[in-house]
C-alpha atoms as a PDB file:
ATOM      1  CA  MET A   1    -238.435  66.701 -41.732  1.00  0.00           C
ATOM      2  CA  ILE A   2    -236.552  63.831 -40.164  1.00  0.00           C
ATOM      3  CA  SER A   3    -233.110  64.306 -38.657  1.00  0.00           C
ATOM      4  CA  ILE A   4    -230.935  61.247 -38.062  1.00  0.00           C
ATOM      5  CA  GLN A   5    -227.885  61.097 -35.799  1.00  0.00           C
ATOM      6  CA  VAL A   6    -225.498  58.225 -36.411  1.00  0.00           C
ATOM      7  CA  VAL A   7    -223.256  57.585 -33.416  1.00  0.00           C
ATOM      8  CA  PRO A   8    -220.098  55.585 -34.170  1.00  0.00           C
ATOM      9  CA  GLY A   9    -217.964  53.523 -31.840  1.00  0.00           C
ATOM     10  CA  GLN A  10    -214.877  54.917 -30.112  1.00  0.00           C
ATOM     11  CA  GLY A  11    -212.341  56.357 -32.564  1.00  0.00           C
ATOM     12  CA  VAL A  12    -214.598  56.001 -35.626  1.00  0.00           C
ATOM     13  CA  ASP A  13    -215.860  58.881 -37.794  1.00  0.00           C
ATOM     14  CA  ALA A  14    -219.312  57.974 -39.148  1.00  0.00           C
ATOM     15  CA  TYR A  15    -219.254  60.655 -41.861  1.00  0.00           C
ATOM     16  CA  LYS A  16    -215.927  59.396 -43.226  1.00  0.00           C
ATOM     17  CA  LEU A  17    -217.270  55.837 -43.286  1.00  0.00           C
ATOM     18  CA  LEU A  18    -220.314  56.950 -45.283  1.00  0.00           C
ATOM     19  CA  ARG A  19    -218.338  59.251 -47.589  1.00  0.00           C
ATOM     20  CA  ASP A  20    -215.857  56.532 -48.515  1.00  0.00           C
ATOM     21  CA  LYS A  21    -218.530  53.861 -48.994  1.00  0.00           C
ATOM     22  CA  VAL A  22    -220.728  56.027 -51.242  1.00  0.00           C
ATOM     23  CA  THR A  23    -217.753  57.357 -53.223  1.00  0.00           C
ATOM     24  CA  HIS A  24    -216.148  53.982 -53.934  1.00  0.00           C
ATOM     25  CA  GLU A  25    -218.659  51.152 -53.542  1.00  0.00           C
ATOM     26  CA  ALA A  26    -222.330  52.158 -53.400  1.00  0.00           C
ATOM     27  CA  ALA A  27    -224.511  51.091 -56.311  1.00  0.00           C
ATOM     28  CA  THR A  28    -227.749  52.949 -55.545  1.00  0.00           C
ATOM     29  CA  TRP A  29    -226.472  55.998 -53.603  1.00  0.00           C
ATOM     30  CA  TYR A  30    -224.472  58.875 -55.071  1.00  0.00           C
ATOM     31  CA  TRP A  31    -223.255  62.355 -54.172  1.00  0.00           C
ATOM     32  CA  ALA A  32    -225.287  65.164 -55.734  1.00  0.00           C
ATOM     33  CA  ASN A  33    -222.603  67.812 -55.110  1.00  0.00           C
ATOM     34  CA  LYS A  34    -218.803  68.113 -55.034  1.00  0.00           C
ATOM     35  CA  ALA A  35    -218.721  68.862 -51.305  1.00  0.00           C
ATOM     36  CA  LYS A  36    -220.154  65.380 -50.640  1.00  0.00           C
ATOM     37  CA  SER A  37    -222.809  66.756 -48.340  1.00  0.00           C
ATOM     38  CA  ARG A  38    -225.908  65.983 -50.428  1.00  0.00           C
ATOM     39  CA  LEU A  39    -226.752  62.309 -50.870  1.00  0.00           C
ATOM     40  CA  ARG A  40    -229.263  60.961 -53.382  1.00  0.00           C
ATOM     41  CA  HIS A  41    -230.806  57.559 -53.984  1.00  0.00           C
ATOM     42  CA  SER A  42    -230.999  56.418 -57.604  1.00  0.00           C
ATOM     43  CA  GLN A  43    -234.754  55.732 -57.365  1.00  0.00           C
ATOM     44  CA  VAL A  44    -235.673  59.115 -55.799  1.00  0.00           C
ATOM     45  CA  LYS A  45    -234.048  61.708 -58.051  1.00  0.00           C
ATOM     46  CA  LYS A  46    -235.750  64.789 -56.598  1.00  0.00           C
ATOM     47  CA  GLY A  47    -235.326  64.212 -52.872  1.00  0.00           C
ATOM     48  CA  TYR A  48    -232.018  64.193 -51.040  1.00  0.00           C
ATOM     49  CA  ILE A  49    -230.311  63.702 -47.688  1.00  0.00           C
ATOM     50  CA  GLU A  50    -228.114  66.498 -46.359  1.00  0.00           C
ATOM     51  CA  VAL A  51    -225.212  65.046 -44.348  1.00  0.00           C
ATOM     52  CA  ALA A  52    -222.630  66.641 -42.073  1.00  0.00           C
ATOM     53  CA  SER A  53    -220.182  65.650 -39.364  1.00  0.00           C
ATOM     54  CA  ALA A  54    -220.194  66.814 -35.746  1.00  0.00           C
ATOM     55  CA  GLU A  55    -217.126  65.418 -33.947  1.00  0.00           C
ATOM     56  CA  GLY A  56    -217.424  62.026 -35.632  1.00  0.00           C
ATOM     57  CA  ILE A  57    -221.214  61.837 -35.360  1.00  0.00           C
ATOM     58  CA  LEU A  58    -223.011  61.804 -38.701  1.00  0.00           C
ATOM     59  CA  ILE A  59    -225.969  64.198 -38.903  1.00  0.00           C
ATOM     60  CA  ALA A  60    -228.401  63.519 -41.747  1.00  0.00           C
ATOM     61  CA  GLN A  61    -231.519  65.490 -42.605  1.00  0.00           C
ATOM     62  CA  ILE A  62    -234.057  64.028 -45.005  1.00  0.00           C
ATOM     63  CA  TYR A  63    -235.456  66.425 -47.646  1.00  0.00           C
ATOM     64  CA  PRO A  64    -238.019  64.618 -49.818  1.00  0.00           C
ATOM     65  CA  LYS A  65    -239.487  66.367 -52.852  1.00  0.00           C
ATOM     66  CA  GLU A  66    -242.809  64.592 -52.275  1.00  0.00           C
ATOM     67  CA  PRO A  67    -244.191  63.739 -48.805  1.00  0.00           C
ATOM     68  CA  LYS A  68    -244.452  60.060 -49.778  1.00  0.00           C
ATOM     69  CA  ASP A  69    -240.674  59.941 -50.276  1.00  0.00           C
ATOM     70  CA  LEU A  70    -239.920  60.807 -46.628  1.00  0.00           C
ATOM     71  CA  PHE A  71    -240.515  57.210 -45.542  1.00  0.00           C
ATOM     72  CA  TYR A  72    -238.724  55.743 -48.562  1.00  0.00           C
ATOM     73  CA  LEU A  73    -235.556  57.816 -48.165  1.00  0.00           C
ATOM     74  CA  SER A  74    -235.469  57.298 -44.392  1.00  0.00           C
ATOM     75  CA  GLU A  75    -235.982  53.551 -44.690  1.00  0.00           C
ATOM     76  CA  LYS A  76    -233.371  53.094 -47.411  1.00  0.00           C
ATOM     77  CA  PHE A  77    -230.803  55.273 -45.637  1.00  0.00           C
ATOM     78  CA  ILE A  78    -231.155  53.615 -42.228  1.00  0.00           C
ATOM     79  CA  GLY A  79    -231.186  50.162 -43.822  1.00  0.00           C
ATOM     80  CA  ARG A  80    -227.954  50.905 -45.682  1.00  0.00           C
ATOM     81  CA  LEU A  81    -226.273  52.236 -42.540  1.00  0.00           C
ATOM     82  CA  ILE A  82    -227.107  49.012 -40.722  1.00  0.00           C
ATOM     83  CA  GLY A  83    -226.100  46.846 -43.676  1.00  0.00           C
ATOM     84  CA  TRP A  84    -222.781  48.586 -44.206  1.00  0.00           C
ATOM     85  CA  PHE A  85    -221.668  49.630 -40.728  1.00  0.00           C
ATOM     86  CA  ASP A  86    -223.405  47.553 -38.045  1.00  0.00           C
ATOM     87  CA  ASP A  87    -220.076  46.639 -36.410  1.00  0.00           C
ATOM     88  CA  GLU A  88    -218.840  50.266 -36.294  1.00  0.00           C
ATOM     89  CA  LEU A  89    -221.987  51.982 -34.979  1.00  0.00           C
ATOM     90  CA  VAL A  90    -223.302  52.395 -31.442  1.00  0.00           C
ATOM     91  CA  ALA A  91    -226.667  54.078 -32.151  1.00  0.00           C
ATOM     92  CA  ILE A  92    -228.928  55.563 -34.798  1.00  0.00           C
ATOM     93  CA  ASN A  93    -231.212  58.256 -33.366  1.00  0.00           C
ATOM     94  CA  ILE A  94    -234.241  59.616 -35.224  1.00  0.00           C
ATOM     95  CA  GLN A  95    -235.817  63.004 -34.518  1.00  0.00           C
ATOM     96  CA  PHE A  96    -238.954  64.479 -36.047  1.00  0.00           C
ATOM     97  CA  VAL A  97    -238.341  68.165 -36.715  1.00  0.00           C
ATOM     98  CA  ARG A  98    -241.328  70.463 -37.161  1.00  0.00           C
ATOM     99  CA  THR A  99    -240.794  72.707 -40.167  1.00  0.00           C
ATOM    100  CA  GLY A 100    -244.095  74.551 -40.349  1.00  0.00           C
ATOM    101  CA  LYS A 101    -246.542  76.225 -38.015  1.00  0.00           C
ATOM    102  CA  LEU A 102    -248.309  74.083 -35.459  1.00  0.00           C
ATOM    103  CA  ARG A 103    -252.085  74.229 -35.560  1.00  0.00           C
END
């Protein structure tokens, strides 16, 4: 699994930026639940991105249905963040989280 931290500039809440953009303007992204914590891309119906806020920092975890969709969802999500919010963000950090047993 990939975990992405989106660090906004001073006084900005990255989750609120994303929530408002997806709710009102996004063409290819949509919320898969009422709580607005599960984000889906229109071309990958079975995978999703779980999003949450931690003191203004957006935390996103990529959950692809198929392994091949991990790259696609990550690429599209990070690209959209840059395209929409490049002036409001300070950093986008990517972490690779082990979910199974190590060999």
